[in-house]
Amino acid sequence: MTKLLEQVIAQLKALPDDEQDAIAARFLAEMEDEQRWKAQFESTTDGQWDRMAEMVQQEIASGDITPLAEVFSSQPES
């Protein structure tokens, strides 16, 4: 076990049981989600990646995209 994880566990032990369970549940859900993503990426074929790249290139060429600056605008909407 890493030193950082040992520090986290030491701090968790000081929390009430319900808070420990809530954090543990979030952590387990995150680990399960990460495993699903990893499996999905690992099972993606070169052909699938190529088709996805082609789709993105077509969207860019057609102008059917929204710049990230607009999606993640630092200006609050009025």
C-alpha atoms as a PDB file:
ATOM      1  CA  MET A   1       0.000   0.000   0.000  1.00  0.00           C
ATOM      2  CA  THR A   2       1.316   3.456  -0.824  1.00  0.00           C
ATOM      3  CA  LYS A   3       2.048   6.069   1.822  1.00  0.00           C
ATOM      4  CA  LEU A   4      -0.615   8.351   0.368  1.00  0.00           C
ATOM      5  CA  LEU A   5      -3.276   5.660   0.574  1.00  0.00           C
ATOM      6  CA  GLU A   6      -2.219   4.897   4.134  1.00  0.00           C
ATOM      7  CA  GLN A   7      -2.713   8.604   4.971  1.00  0.00           C
ATOM      8  CA  VAL A   8      -6.177   8.560   3.428  1.00  0.00           C
ATOM      9  CA  ILE A   9      -7.191   5.452   5.347  1.00  0.00           C
ATOM     10  CA  ALA A  10      -5.877   6.920   8.596  1.00  0.00           C
ATOM     11  CA  GLN A  11      -8.036  10.007   8.071  1.00  0.00           C
ATOM     12  CA  LEU A  12     -11.052   7.911   7.093  1.00  0.00           C
ATOM     13  CA  LYS A  13     -10.778   5.899  10.305  1.00  0.00           C
ATOM     14  CA  ALA A  14     -11.357   9.095  12.268  1.00  0.00           C
ATOM     15  CA  LEU A  15     -14.709   9.729  10.570  1.00  0.00           C
ATOM     16  CA  PRO A  16     -18.084   8.431  11.770  1.00  0.00           C
ATOM     17  CA  ASP A  17     -19.167   5.108  10.261  1.00  0.00           C
ATOM     18  CA  ASP A  18     -21.817   6.651   8.009  1.00  0.00           C
ATOM     19  CA  GLU A  19     -19.290   9.059   6.488  1.00  0.00           C
ATOM     20  CA  GLN A  20     -16.792   6.240   6.009  1.00  0.00           C
ATOM     21  CA  ASP A  21     -19.463   4.202   4.211  1.00  0.00           C
ATOM     22  CA  ALA A  22     -20.445   7.135   2.002  1.00  0.00           C
ATOM     23  CA  ILE A  23     -16.852   7.747   0.949  1.00  0.00           C
ATOM     24  CA  ALA A  24     -16.238   4.026   0.445  1.00  0.00           C
ATOM     25  CA  ALA A  25     -19.345   3.760  -1.752  1.00  0.00           C
ATOM     26  CA  ARG A  26     -18.179   6.682  -3.924  1.00  0.00           C
ATOM     27  CA  PHE A  27     -14.704   5.195  -4.175  1.00  0.00           C
ATOM     28  CA  LEU A  28     -16.043   1.761  -5.193  1.00  0.00           C
ATOM     29  CA  ALA A  29     -18.351   3.310  -7.778  1.00  0.00           C
ATOM     30  CA  GLU A  30     -15.435   5.286  -9.215  1.00  0.00           C
ATOM     31  CA  MET A  31     -13.292   2.154  -9.420  1.00  0.00           C
ATOM     32  CA  GLU A  32     -16.087   0.223 -11.164  1.00  0.00           C
ATOM     33  CA  ASP A  33     -16.613   3.078 -13.618  1.00  0.00           C
ATOM     34  CA  GLU A  34     -12.887   3.217 -14.340  1.00  0.00           C
ATOM     35  CA  GLN A  35     -12.840  -0.533 -15.026  1.00  0.00           C
ATOM     36  CA  ARG A  36     -15.779  -0.208 -17.453  1.00  0.00           C
ATOM     37  CA  TRP A  37     -14.031   2.601 -19.343  1.00  0.00           C
ATOM     38  CA  LYS A  38     -10.775   0.662 -19.417  1.00  0.00           C
ATOM     39  CA  ALA A  39     -12.508  -2.438 -20.783  1.00  0.00           C
ATOM     40  CA  GLN A  40     -14.337  -0.353 -23.390  1.00  0.00           C
ATOM     41  CA  PHE A  41     -11.152   1.319 -24.606  1.00  0.00           C
ATOM     42  CA  GLU A  42      -9.219  -1.954 -24.642  1.00  0.00           C
ATOM     43  CA  SER A  43     -11.929  -3.667 -26.704  1.00  0.00           C
ATOM     44  CA  THR A  44     -12.135  -0.868 -29.276  1.00  0.00           C
ATOM     45  CA  THR A  45     -10.701  -2.067 -32.579  1.00  0.00           C
ATOM     46  CA  ASP A  46      -8.460  -0.088 -34.893  1.00  0.00           C
ATOM     47  CA  GLY A  47     -11.336   0.015 -37.372  1.00  0.00           C
ATOM     48  CA  GLN A  48     -13.634   1.549 -34.768  1.00  0.00           C
ATOM     49  CA  TRP A  49     -11.015   4.186 -33.894  1.00  0.00           C
ATOM     50  CA  ASP A  50     -10.572   4.926 -37.612  1.00  0.00           C
ATOM     51  CA  ARG A  51     -14.347   5.354 -38.107  1.00  0.00           C
ATOM     52  CA  MET A  52     -14.547   7.624 -35.071  1.00  0.00           C
ATOM     53  CA  ALA A  53     -11.682   9.751 -36.402  1.00  0.00           C
ATOM     54  CA  GLU A  54     -13.402   9.972 -39.783  1.00  0.00           C
ATOM     55  CA  MET A  55     -16.630  11.127 -38.123  1.00  0.00           C
ATOM     56  CA  VAL A  56     -14.785  13.839 -36.210  1.00  0.00           C
ATOM     57  CA  GLN A  57     -12.962  14.973 -39.349  1.00  0.00           C
ATOM     58  CA  GLN A  58     -16.274  15.171 -41.228  1.00  0.00           C
ATOM     59  CA  GLU A  59     -17.847  17.230 -38.441  1.00  0.00           C
ATOM     60  CA  ILE A  60     -14.887  19.609 -38.446  1.00  0.00           C
ATOM     61  CA  ALA A  61     -14.955  19.914 -42.242  1.00  0.00           C
ATOM     62  CA  SER A  62     -18.703  20.614 -42.279  1.00  0.00           C
ATOM     63  CA  GLY A  63     -18.414  23.197 -39.524  1.00  0.00           C
ATOM     64  CA  ASP A  64     -20.796  21.129 -37.391  1.00  0.00           C
ATOM     65  CA  ILE A  65     -18.825  21.729 -34.210  1.00  0.00           C
ATOM     66  CA  THR A  66     -18.889  24.066 -31.250  1.00  0.00           C
ATOM     67  CA  PRO A  67     -15.556  25.509 -30.126  1.00  0.00           C
ATOM     68  CA  LEU A  68     -14.598  24.438 -26.617  1.00  0.00           C
ATOM     69  CA  ALA A  69     -14.221  28.098 -25.699  1.00  0.00           C
ATOM     70  CA  GLU A  70     -17.985  28.397 -26.185  1.00  0.00           C
ATOM     71  CA  VAL A  71     -18.806  25.178 -24.366  1.00  0.00           C
ATOM     72  CA  PHE A  72     -16.633  26.004 -21.371  1.00  0.00           C
ATOM     73  CA  SER A  73     -17.011  29.750 -21.420  1.00  0.00           C
ATOM     74  CA  SER A  74     -15.542  31.506 -18.395  1.00  0.00           C
ATOM     75  CA  GLN A  75     -18.274  34.136 -18.715  1.00  0.00           C
ATOM     76  CA  PRO A  76     -21.466  33.346 -16.796  1.00  0.00           C
ATOM     77  CA  GLU A  77     -24.556  33.304 -18.988  1.00  0.00           C
ATOM     78  CA  SER A  78     -26.972  36.175 -18.478  1.00  0.00           C
END
